[in-house]
N, C-alpha and C. Protein backbone atom coordinates (compact mmCIF):
# COMPACT_ATOMS: atom_id res chain seq x y z
N UNK A 1 223.88 15.85 64.30
CA UNK A 1 223.56 17.20 64.78
C UNK A 1 223.22 18.14 63.61
N UNK A 2 223.99 18.05 62.57
CA UNK A 2 223.74 18.86 61.38
C UNK A 2 222.35 18.58 60.83
N UNK A 3 222.00 17.27 60.84
CA UNK A 3 220.67 16.86 60.36
C UNK A 3 219.56 17.48 61.23
N UNK A 4 219.79 17.45 62.51
CA UNK A 4 218.80 18.01 63.45
C UNK A 4 218.59 19.50 63.20
N UNK A 5 219.73 20.20 63.01
CA UNK A 5 219.63 21.64 62.74
C UNK A 5 218.82 21.91 61.47
N UNK A 6 219.13 21.07 60.45
CA UNK A 6 218.43 21.22 59.17
C UNK A 6 216.92 21.01 59.37
N UNK A 7 216.59 19.94 60.14
CA UNK A 7 215.18 19.64 60.43
C UNK A 7 214.50 20.83 61.11
N UNK A 8 215.24 21.40 62.09
CA UNK A 8 214.71 22.55 62.83
C UNK A 8 214.41 23.71 61.87
N UNK A 9 215.41 23.94 60.97
CA UNK A 9 215.25 25.04 60.00
C UNK A 9 214.03 24.80 59.12
N UNK A 10 213.95 23.53 58.65
CA UNK A 10 212.80 23.20 57.79
C UNK A 10 211.48 23.43 58.53
N UNK A 11 211.47 23.02 59.82
CA UNK A 11 210.26 23.24 60.64
C UNK A 11 209.91 24.72 60.74
N UNK A 12 210.96 25.52 60.96
CA UNK A 12 210.76 26.97 61.08
C UNK A 12 210.17 27.55 59.79
N UNK A 13 210.77 27.05 58.67
CA UNK A 13 210.28 27.51 57.35
C UNK A 13 208.80 27.17 57.17
N UNK A 14 208.44 25.92 57.55
CA UNK A 14 207.04 25.48 57.45
C UNK A 14 206.12 26.38 58.28
N UNK A 15 206.60 26.63 59.52
CA UNK A 15 205.81 27.50 60.43
C UNK A 15 205.62 28.89 59.80
N UNK A 16 206.75 29.39 59.21
CA UNK A 16 206.71 30.73 58.58
C UNK A 16 205.68 30.74 57.44
N UNK A 17 205.72 29.65 56.65
CA UNK A 17 204.75 29.53 55.54
C UNK A 17 203.32 29.56 56.05
N UNK A 18 203.10 28.74 57.16
CA UNK A 18 201.75 28.68 57.75
C UNK A 18 201.30 30.06 58.24
N UNK A 19 202.27 30.74 58.90
CA UNK A 19 201.92 32.09 59.42
C UNK A 19 201.55 33.04 58.28
N UNK A 20 202.33 32.93 57.16
CA UNK A 20 202.06 33.79 55.99
C UNK A 20 200.67 33.50 55.42
N UNK A 21 200.37 32.16 55.36
CA UNK A 21 199.05 31.77 54.85
C UNK A 21 197.93 32.37 55.70
N UNK A 22 198.12 32.21 57.04
CA UNK A 22 197.12 32.77 57.97
C UNK A 22 196.96 34.27 57.78
N UNK A 23 198.15 34.93 57.66
CA UNK A 23 198.14 36.39 57.48
C UNK A 23 197.39 36.77 56.20
N UNK A 24 197.67 36.01 55.10
CA UNK A 24 196.98 36.28 53.82
C UNK A 24 195.49 36.08 53.95
N UNK A 25 195.12 34.99 54.70
CA UNK A 25 193.69 34.73 54.92
C UNK A 25 193.03 35.89 55.64
N UNK A 26 193.71 36.39 56.70
CA UNK A 26 193.17 37.51 57.47
C UNK A 26 192.98 38.75 56.58
N UNK A 27 194.04 39.00 55.76
CA UNK A 27 193.96 40.16 54.84
C UNK A 27 192.78 40.03 53.89
N UNK A 28 192.60 38.80 53.38
CA UNK A 28 191.50 38.54 52.45
C UNK A 28 190.15 38.78 53.14
N UNK A 29 190.08 38.31 54.41
CA UNK A 29 188.85 38.53 55.20
C UNK A 29 188.57 40.02 55.33
N UNK A 30 189.63 40.80 55.69
CA UNK A 30 189.48 42.26 55.87
C UNK A 30 189.02 42.93 54.59
N UNK A 31 189.66 42.48 53.45
CA UNK A 31 189.27 43.05 52.16
C UNK A 31 187.79 42.79 51.87
N UNK A 32 187.37 41.54 52.17
CA UNK A 32 185.97 41.15 51.94
C UNK A 32 185.03 42.01 52.80
N UNK A 33 185.47 42.18 54.07
CA UNK A 33 184.65 43.02 54.98
C UNK A 33 184.49 44.43 54.42
N UNK A 34 185.65 45.01 53.99
CA UNK A 34 185.62 46.37 53.43
C UNK A 34 184.72 46.44 52.20
N UNK A 35 184.85 45.41 51.37
CA UNK A 35 184.03 45.36 50.15
C UNK A 35 182.55 45.29 50.51
N UNK A 36 182.22 44.41 51.50
CA UNK A 36 180.82 44.29 51.95
C UNK A 36 180.30 45.62 52.49
N UNK A 37 181.21 46.31 53.26
CA UNK A 37 180.81 47.62 53.81
C UNK A 37 180.48 48.61 52.70
N UNK A 38 181.35 48.64 51.66
CA UNK A 38 181.14 49.54 50.53
C UNK A 38 179.81 49.24 49.84
N UNK A 39 179.58 47.92 49.64
CA UNK A 39 178.31 47.51 49.00
C UNK A 39 177.12 47.96 49.83
N UNK A 40 177.23 47.80 51.16
CA UNK A 40 176.16 48.21 52.07
C UNK A 40 175.90 49.71 51.95
N UNK A 41 177.03 50.47 51.91
CA UNK A 41 176.92 51.94 51.76
C UNK A 41 176.17 52.30 50.48
N UNK A 42 176.55 51.61 49.36
CA UNK A 42 175.90 51.86 48.08
C UNK A 42 174.41 51.57 48.15
N UNK A 43 174.10 50.40 48.81
CA UNK A 43 172.68 50.04 48.97
C UNK A 43 171.91 51.11 49.74
N UNK A 44 172.57 51.61 50.83
CA UNK A 44 171.94 52.66 51.65
C UNK A 44 171.69 53.91 50.82
N UNK A 45 172.72 54.27 50.00
CA UNK A 45 172.58 55.45 49.12
C UNK A 45 171.41 55.30 48.18
N UNK A 46 171.33 54.09 47.56
CA UNK A 46 170.24 53.81 46.63
C UNK A 46 168.89 53.93 47.32
N UNK A 47 168.82 53.35 48.55
CA UNK A 47 167.57 53.42 49.34
C UNK A 47 167.19 54.87 49.60
N UNK A 48 168.21 55.67 50.01
CA UNK A 48 167.97 57.09 50.33
C UNK A 48 167.45 57.82 49.10
N UNK A 49 168.10 57.51 47.92
CA UNK A 49 167.67 58.16 46.67
C UNK A 49 166.22 57.81 46.35
N UNK A 50 165.91 56.50 46.50
CA UNK A 50 164.55 56.03 46.20
C UNK A 50 163.54 56.71 47.12
N UNK A 51 163.92 56.83 48.42
CA UNK A 51 163.03 57.47 49.40
C UNK A 51 162.82 58.94 49.04
N UNK A 52 163.94 59.61 48.64
CA UNK A 52 163.87 61.02 48.26
C UNK A 52 162.90 61.21 47.10
N UNK A 53 163.05 60.31 46.11
CA UNK A 53 162.20 60.38 44.92
C UNK A 53 160.72 60.20 45.31
N UNK A 54 160.49 59.19 46.17
CA UNK A 54 159.13 58.90 46.64
C UNK A 54 158.54 60.11 47.37
N UNK A 55 159.38 60.70 48.27
CA UNK A 55 158.93 61.87 49.04
C UNK A 55 158.60 63.03 48.11
N UNK A 56 159.46 63.23 47.09
CA UNK A 56 159.23 64.32 46.13
C UNK A 56 157.91 64.12 45.41
N UNK A 57 157.65 62.85 45.01
CA UNK A 57 156.38 62.54 44.33
C UNK A 57 155.19 62.80 45.24
N UNK A 58 155.34 62.37 46.52
CA UNK A 58 154.28 62.61 47.52
C UNK A 58 154.01 64.10 47.64
N UNK A 59 155.13 64.87 47.73
CA UNK A 59 155.03 66.33 47.87
C UNK A 59 154.25 66.92 46.69
N UNK A 60 154.62 66.46 45.47
CA UNK A 60 153.94 66.95 44.27
C UNK A 60 152.45 66.67 44.34
N UNK A 61 152.11 65.42 44.72
CA UNK A 61 150.70 65.03 44.83
C UNK A 61 149.97 65.91 45.84
N UNK A 62 150.65 66.12 46.99
CA UNK A 62 150.04 66.93 48.05
C UNK A 62 149.79 68.35 47.54
N UNK A 63 150.78 68.90 46.79
CA UNK A 63 150.61 70.26 46.25
C UNK A 63 149.46 70.32 45.26
N UNK A 64 149.35 69.25 44.43
CA UNK A 64 148.24 69.20 43.47
C UNK A 64 146.91 69.20 44.20
N UNK A 65 146.83 68.37 45.26
CA UNK A 65 145.61 68.30 46.07
C UNK A 65 145.26 69.66 46.66
N UNK A 66 146.32 70.32 47.20
CA UNK A 66 146.12 71.65 47.78
C UNK A 66 145.56 72.61 46.75
N UNK A 67 146.17 72.57 45.56
CA UNK A 67 145.74 73.45 44.48
C UNK A 67 144.27 73.19 44.14
N UNK A 68 143.91 71.88 44.12
CA UNK A 68 142.51 71.53 43.84
C UNK A 68 141.59 72.09 44.91
N UNK A 69 142.00 71.93 46.17
CA UNK A 69 141.21 72.44 47.30
C UNK A 69 141.00 73.94 47.17
N UNK A 70 142.12 74.64 46.86
CA UNK A 70 142.05 76.11 46.72
C UNK A 70 141.06 76.48 45.63
N UNK A 71 141.15 75.71 44.53
CA UNK A 71 140.26 75.96 43.40
C UNK A 71 138.81 75.84 43.84
N UNK A 72 138.55 74.80 44.68
CA UNK A 72 137.18 74.57 45.18
C UNK A 72 136.73 75.72 46.07
N UNK A 73 137.68 76.26 46.85
CA UNK A 73 137.33 77.29 47.83
C UNK A 73 137.20 78.68 47.23
N UNK A 74 137.45 78.83 45.94
CA UNK A 74 137.36 80.15 45.32
C UNK A 74 135.98 80.74 45.55
N UNK A 75 135.90 82.04 45.86
CA UNK A 75 134.58 82.66 46.08
C UNK A 75 133.70 82.61 44.83
N UNK A 76 132.38 82.66 45.07
CA UNK A 76 131.42 82.61 43.96
C UNK A 76 131.68 83.71 42.95
N UNK A 77 132.04 84.89 43.46
CA UNK A 77 132.23 86.05 42.58
C UNK A 77 133.33 85.77 41.56
N UNK A 78 134.42 85.15 42.07
CA UNK A 78 135.54 84.83 41.17
C UNK A 78 135.10 83.82 40.12
N UNK A 79 134.29 82.84 40.57
CA UNK A 79 133.79 81.84 39.62
C UNK A 79 132.93 82.51 38.55
N UNK A 80 132.08 83.44 39.01
CA UNK A 80 131.22 84.17 38.06
C UNK A 80 132.08 84.93 37.06
N UNK A 81 133.13 85.62 37.60
CA UNK A 81 134.03 86.36 36.71
C UNK A 81 134.67 85.45 35.68
N UNK A 82 135.11 84.25 36.17
CA UNK A 82 135.75 83.31 35.25
C UNK A 82 134.78 82.85 34.17
N UNK A 83 133.53 82.54 34.63
CA UNK A 83 132.52 82.11 33.66
C UNK A 83 132.26 83.21 32.63
N UNK A 84 132.22 84.46 33.14
CA UNK A 84 131.99 85.62 32.26
C UNK A 84 133.12 85.73 31.24
N UNK A 85 134.38 85.58 31.78
CA UNK A 85 135.54 85.66 30.88
C UNK A 85 135.47 84.59 29.81
N UNK A 86 135.10 83.35 30.25
CA UNK A 86 135.01 82.25 29.29
C UNK A 86 133.95 82.56 28.23
N UNK A 87 132.83 83.09 28.72
CA UNK A 87 131.74 83.42 27.80
C UNK A 87 132.19 84.48 26.80
N UNK A 88 132.93 85.50 27.33
CA UNK A 88 133.44 86.57 26.45
C UNK A 88 134.42 86.01 25.42
N UNK A 89 135.28 85.08 25.89
CA UNK A 89 136.26 84.48 24.97
C UNK A 89 135.53 83.70 23.88
N UNK A 90 134.48 82.97 24.29
CA UNK A 90 133.71 82.19 23.32
C UNK A 90 133.09 83.12 22.27
N UNK A 91 132.55 84.26 22.78
CA UNK A 91 131.95 85.24 21.86
C UNK A 91 132.98 85.72 20.84
N UNK A 92 134.17 86.03 21.37
CA UNK A 92 135.23 86.56 20.51
C UNK A 92 135.64 85.50 19.47
N UNK A 93 135.75 84.23 19.96
CA UNK A 93 136.11 83.14 19.05
C UNK A 93 135.07 82.99 17.94
N UNK A 94 133.80 83.10 18.35
CA UNK A 94 132.72 82.99 17.37
C UNK A 94 132.86 84.07 16.30
N UNK A 95 133.14 85.29 16.77
CA UNK A 95 133.29 86.42 15.84
C UNK A 95 134.45 86.16 14.87
N UNK A 96 135.56 85.62 15.43
CA UNK A 96 136.72 85.33 14.59
C UNK A 96 136.40 84.26 13.55
N UNK A 97 135.65 83.23 14.01
CA UNK A 97 135.25 82.16 13.07
C UNK A 97 134.39 82.73 11.95
N UNK A 98 133.46 83.61 12.34
CA UNK A 98 132.57 84.24 11.34
C UNK A 98 133.41 84.97 10.31
N UNK A 99 134.39 85.74 10.84
CA UNK A 99 135.23 86.57 9.96
C UNK A 99 136.00 85.68 8.98
N UNK A 100 136.50 84.54 9.49
CA UNK A 100 137.25 83.60 8.64
C UNK A 100 136.37 83.07 7.52
N UNK A 101 135.15 82.69 7.92
CA UNK A 101 134.22 82.16 6.92
C UNK A 101 133.92 83.21 5.86
N UNK A 102 133.67 84.42 6.34
CA UNK A 102 133.29 85.51 5.44
C UNK A 102 134.41 85.81 4.44
N UNK A 103 135.66 85.75 4.95
CA UNK A 103 136.81 86.04 4.09
C UNK A 103 136.89 85.13 2.88
N UNK A 104 136.33 83.94 3.00
CA UNK A 104 136.40 82.96 1.92
C UNK A 104 135.27 83.16 0.88
N UNK A 105 134.31 83.96 1.23
CA UNK A 105 133.14 84.08 0.35
C UNK A 105 133.33 85.14 -0.75
N UNK A 106 132.29 85.31 -1.58
CA UNK A 106 132.37 86.15 -2.79
C UNK A 106 132.37 87.64 -2.48
N UNK A 107 132.45 88.46 -3.55
CA UNK A 107 132.49 89.93 -3.44
C UNK A 107 131.26 90.45 -2.72
N UNK A 108 130.14 89.83 -3.05
CA UNK A 108 128.87 90.24 -2.43
C UNK A 108 128.96 90.08 -0.91
N UNK A 109 129.65 89.05 -0.52
CA UNK A 109 129.76 88.75 0.91
C UNK A 109 130.71 89.72 1.63
N UNK A 110 131.55 90.44 0.86
CA UNK A 110 132.51 91.36 1.49
C UNK A 110 131.80 92.44 2.30
N UNK A 111 130.62 92.84 1.82
CA UNK A 111 129.83 93.84 2.55
C UNK A 111 129.43 93.30 3.91
N UNK A 112 129.04 92.01 3.85
CA UNK A 112 128.67 91.36 5.11
C UNK A 112 129.86 91.32 6.05
N UNK A 113 131.05 91.07 5.45
CA UNK A 113 132.28 91.00 6.26
C UNK A 113 132.51 92.32 6.98
N UNK A 114 132.23 93.42 6.26
CA UNK A 114 132.38 94.74 6.89
C UNK A 114 131.46 94.88 8.09
N UNK A 115 130.23 94.40 7.89
CA UNK A 115 129.25 94.46 8.99
C UNK A 115 129.74 93.64 10.19
N UNK A 116 130.26 92.45 9.85
CA UNK A 116 130.78 91.57 10.91
C UNK A 116 131.92 92.27 11.66
N UNK A 117 132.78 92.96 10.89
CA UNK A 117 133.90 93.70 11.51
C UNK A 117 133.37 94.75 12.48
N UNK A 118 132.31 95.44 12.01
CA UNK A 118 131.69 96.45 12.88
C UNK A 118 131.16 95.80 14.16
N UNK A 119 130.46 94.64 13.96
CA UNK A 119 129.92 93.91 15.13
C UNK A 119 131.04 93.49 16.07
N UNK A 120 132.14 93.07 15.43
CA UNK A 120 133.29 92.63 16.23
C UNK A 120 133.83 93.79 17.07
N UNK A 121 133.90 94.95 16.44
CA UNK A 121 134.37 96.14 17.16
C UNK A 121 133.45 96.45 18.34
N UNK A 122 132.13 96.32 18.03
CA UNK A 122 131.14 96.57 19.10
C UNK A 122 131.36 95.59 20.26
N UNK A 123 131.55 94.30 19.88
CA UNK A 123 131.78 93.27 20.91
C UNK A 123 133.02 93.64 21.74
N UNK A 124 134.09 94.07 21.01
CA UNK A 124 135.32 94.46 21.71
C UNK A 124 135.06 95.59 22.70
N UNK A 125 134.24 96.58 22.22
CA UNK A 125 133.91 97.71 23.09
C UNK A 125 133.15 97.24 24.33
N UNK A 126 132.19 96.33 24.07
CA UNK A 126 131.39 95.79 25.17
C UNK A 126 132.29 95.06 26.17
N UNK A 127 133.21 94.27 25.61
CA UNK A 127 134.14 93.52 26.48
C UNK A 127 135.02 94.48 27.29
N UNK A 128 135.48 95.55 26.60
CA UNK A 128 136.30 96.55 27.31
C UNK A 128 135.52 97.16 28.46
N UNK A 129 134.26 97.49 28.14
CA UNK A 129 133.39 98.11 29.15
C UNK A 129 133.17 97.15 30.33
N UNK A 130 132.94 95.87 29.97
CA UNK A 130 132.74 94.86 31.03
C UNK A 130 133.97 94.75 31.91
N UNK A 131 135.15 94.73 31.26
CA UNK A 131 136.41 94.62 32.02
C UNK A 131 136.58 95.83 32.93
N UNK A 132 136.22 97.01 32.36
CA UNK A 132 136.33 98.26 33.14
C UNK A 132 135.40 98.19 34.36
N UNK A 133 134.16 97.74 34.11
CA UNK A 133 133.20 97.62 35.21
C UNK A 133 133.67 96.64 36.27
N UNK A 134 134.27 95.54 35.79
CA UNK A 134 134.79 94.52 36.71
C UNK A 134 135.86 95.12 37.61
N UNK A 135 136.78 95.88 36.96
CA UNK A 135 137.86 96.53 37.73
C UNK A 135 137.29 97.52 38.74
N UNK A 136 136.28 98.29 38.27
CA UNK A 136 135.66 99.28 39.16
C UNK A 136 135.00 98.58 40.36
N UNK A 137 134.34 97.46 40.04
CA UNK A 137 133.67 96.67 41.09
C UNK A 137 134.69 96.22 42.14
N UNK A 138 135.84 95.73 41.63
CA UNK A 138 136.88 95.26 42.54
C UNK A 138 137.42 96.41 43.39
N UNK A 139 137.62 97.58 42.73
CA UNK A 139 138.12 98.76 43.45
C UNK A 139 137.15 99.18 44.56
N UNK A 140 135.83 99.18 44.19
CA UNK A 140 134.80 99.54 45.17
C UNK A 140 134.82 98.59 46.36
N UNK A 141 135.00 97.29 46.02
CA UNK A 141 135.06 96.26 47.07
C UNK A 141 136.23 96.54 48.03
N UNK A 142 137.37 96.90 47.41
CA UNK A 142 138.56 97.23 48.22
C UNK A 142 138.28 98.42 49.12
N UNK A 143 137.65 99.44 48.52
CA UNK A 143 137.32 100.65 49.29
C UNK A 143 136.41 100.33 50.46
N UNK A 144 135.38 99.45 50.15
CA UNK A 144 134.44 99.05 51.21
C UNK A 144 135.17 98.36 52.36
N UNK A 145 136.11 97.47 51.97
CA UNK A 145 136.89 96.74 52.98
C UNK A 145 137.70 97.72 53.83
N UNK A 146 138.33 98.71 53.11
CA UNK A 146 139.12 99.74 53.82
C UNK A 146 138.25 100.50 54.80
N UNK A 147 137.07 100.90 54.30
CA UNK A 147 136.12 101.66 55.12
C UNK A 147 135.72 100.86 56.37
N UNK A 148 135.41 99.57 56.12
CA UNK A 148 135.03 98.70 57.25
C UNK A 148 136.14 98.63 58.28
N UNK A 149 137.38 98.48 57.77
CA UNK A 149 138.54 98.38 58.66
C UNK A 149 138.69 99.66 59.47
N UNK A 150 138.55 100.81 58.78
CA UNK A 150 138.65 102.11 59.47
C UNK A 150 137.58 102.22 60.54
N UNK A 151 136.33 101.83 60.17
CA UNK A 151 135.22 101.90 61.14
C UNK A 151 135.48 101.02 62.35
N UNK A 152 136.02 99.81 62.06
CA UNK A 152 136.35 98.89 63.16
C UNK A 152 137.37 99.52 64.10
N UNK A 153 138.42 100.11 63.48
CA UNK A 153 139.47 100.74 64.29
C UNK A 153 138.89 101.88 65.13
N UNK A 154 138.01 102.70 64.48
CA UNK A 154 137.41 103.84 65.20
C UNK A 154 136.55 103.34 66.37
N UNK A 155 135.78 102.27 66.10
CA UNK A 155 134.94 101.70 67.17
C UNK A 155 135.79 101.23 68.35
N UNK A 156 136.89 100.55 67.99
CA UNK A 156 137.80 100.06 69.04
C UNK A 156 138.35 101.22 69.86
N UNK A 157 138.77 102.31 69.14
CA UNK A 157 139.30 103.49 69.84
C UNK A 157 138.25 104.09 70.78
N UNK A 158 137.00 104.18 70.24
CA UNK A 158 135.91 104.75 71.06
C UNK A 158 135.67 103.90 72.31
N UNK A 159 135.69 102.56 72.10
CA UNK A 159 135.49 101.67 73.25
C UNK A 159 136.56 101.87 74.30
N UNK A 160 137.81 102.00 73.79
CA UNK A 160 138.93 102.21 74.72
C UNK A 160 138.75 103.53 75.48
N UNK A 161 138.35 104.58 74.73
CA UNK A 161 138.13 105.89 75.36
C UNK A 161 137.04 105.81 76.43
N UNK A 162 135.92 105.10 76.07
CA UNK A 162 134.81 104.94 77.03
C UNK A 162 135.30 104.24 78.29
N UNK A 163 136.11 103.18 78.07
CA UNK A 163 136.64 102.44 79.23
C UNK A 163 137.49 103.36 80.11
N UNK A 164 138.35 104.18 79.42
CA UNK A 164 139.21 105.12 80.17
C UNK A 164 138.35 106.11 80.97
N UNK A 165 137.28 106.63 80.30
CA UNK A 165 136.39 107.59 80.97
C UNK A 165 135.73 106.95 82.19
N UNK A 166 135.28 105.69 82.01
CA UNK A 166 134.63 104.98 83.12
C UNK A 166 135.58 104.83 84.30
N UNK A 167 136.83 104.42 83.95
CA UNK A 167 137.83 104.25 85.01
C UNK A 167 138.08 105.56 85.75
N UNK A 168 138.19 106.65 84.96
CA UNK A 168 138.42 107.99 85.54
C UNK A 168 137.28 108.36 86.49
N UNK A 169 136.04 108.08 86.00
CA UNK A 169 134.84 108.41 86.79
C UNK A 169 134.83 107.63 88.10
N UNK A 170 135.20 106.32 87.98
CA UNK A 170 135.24 105.48 89.17
C UNK A 170 136.26 106.00 90.18
N UNK A 171 137.43 106.43 89.64
CA UNK A 171 138.48 106.97 90.53
C UNK A 171 137.98 108.23 91.25
N UNK A 172 137.30 109.10 90.44
CA UNK A 172 136.75 110.33 91.04
C UNK A 172 135.74 110.01 92.14
N UNK A 173 134.88 109.00 91.84
CA UNK A 173 133.84 108.58 92.78
C UNK A 173 134.47 108.09 94.08
N UNK A 174 135.52 107.28 93.90
CA UNK A 174 136.23 106.77 95.08
C UNK A 174 136.82 107.91 95.90
N UNK A 175 137.39 108.91 95.16
CA UNK A 175 137.98 110.08 95.83
C UNK A 175 136.93 110.83 96.64
N UNK A 176 135.73 111.00 96.00
CA UNK A 176 134.64 111.73 96.69
C UNK A 176 134.19 110.97 97.93
N UNK A 177 134.07 109.61 97.78
CA UNK A 177 133.65 108.78 98.92
C UNK A 177 134.63 108.91 100.08
N UNK A 178 135.93 108.90 99.76
CA UNK A 178 136.95 109.00 100.79
C UNK A 178 136.87 110.35 101.49
N UNK A 179 136.68 111.40 100.66
CA UNK A 179 136.60 112.76 101.22
C UNK A 179 135.41 112.83 102.20
N UNK A 180 134.27 112.25 101.79
CA UNK A 180 133.07 112.23 102.64
C UNK A 180 133.36 111.51 103.96
N UNK A 181 134.02 110.37 103.80
CA UNK A 181 134.36 109.56 104.97
C UNK A 181 135.21 110.36 105.94
N UNK A 182 136.21 111.05 105.35
CA UNK A 182 137.10 111.87 106.19
C UNK A 182 136.31 112.99 106.90
N UNK A 183 135.40 113.63 106.15
CA UNK A 183 134.57 114.70 106.73
C UNK A 183 133.75 114.16 107.90
N UNK A 184 133.15 112.96 107.66
CA UNK A 184 132.34 112.34 108.72
C UNK A 184 133.18 112.05 109.97
N UNK A 185 134.38 111.56 109.73
CA UNK A 185 135.27 111.27 110.85
C UNK A 185 135.57 112.54 111.65
N UNK A 186 135.93 113.60 110.87
CA UNK A 186 136.24 114.89 111.54
C UNK A 186 135.05 115.39 112.35
N UNK A 187 133.86 115.23 111.76
CA UNK A 187 132.63 115.67 112.41
C UNK A 187 132.42 114.92 113.73
N UNK A 188 132.63 113.60 113.65
CA UNK A 188 132.48 112.77 114.86
C UNK A 188 133.47 113.17 115.93
N UNK A 189 134.73 113.46 115.47
CA UNK A 189 135.78 113.89 116.41
C UNK A 189 135.36 115.18 117.12
N UNK A 190 134.83 116.10 116.30
CA UNK A 190 134.37 117.40 116.87
C UNK A 190 133.28 117.17 117.91
N UNK A 191 132.32 116.28 117.55
CA UNK A 191 131.21 115.99 118.47
C UNK A 191 131.74 115.43 119.79
N UNK A 192 132.70 114.49 119.68
CA UNK A 192 133.30 113.90 120.89
C UNK A 192 133.96 114.97 121.74
N UNK A 193 134.71 115.86 121.03
CA UNK A 193 135.44 116.94 121.74
C UNK A 193 134.45 117.85 122.48
N UNK A 194 133.36 118.18 121.80
CA UNK A 194 132.33 119.05 122.41
C UNK A 194 131.74 118.38 123.64
N UNK A 195 131.42 117.08 123.48
CA UNK A 195 130.83 116.32 124.59
C UNK A 195 131.76 116.31 125.79
N UNK A 196 133.07 116.11 125.53
CA UNK A 196 134.06 116.11 126.61
C UNK A 196 134.14 117.47 127.28
N UNK A 197 134.11 118.51 126.44
CA UNK A 197 134.22 119.88 126.96
C UNK A 197 133.04 120.17 127.90
N UNK A 198 131.87 119.70 127.57
CA UNK A 198 130.68 119.92 128.40
C UNK A 198 130.83 119.23 129.74
N UNK A 199 131.38 118.01 129.70
CA UNK A 199 131.58 117.27 130.94
C UNK A 199 132.53 118.01 131.86
């Protein structure tokens, strides 16, 4: 009997060991699952980051394209102004180059340098005048636009007034027609009454 009890105990111990092993296996499985989930999350984050970066690059490209389109759509006048500005800058650069060259030359050339300085001043004055004219031109354009807008508004007001006058006239006409109709009715009534009285 003692032996049997011992055997039973040993069996129980074995079962307990097996259960512990199973439990450890399950825990290990859960840990692996959690680890896989974390890795998946990291992968998703990386994907999202990459997508964000790609989208940002696309956005930049789209903005560049838009800017190019806008540049193409600039009015001719603005292009002319830009060309004029470039031409003026080139003139100024040329004058500066001349002055630099002159500065390196001999005493005799100093007189020429003075002349160049005078020319440069003249160019500056011309450029100032051009800039002033450009500003005036823009101001006039603004004024013209304002004037046009005012005229448009005035025309709209006049049209509205004309419509109101027409409506008023129509109402008056209708009133007159009704009054006439009423007069005719009264006249007919009188005629009927007279005819009856004669009978």
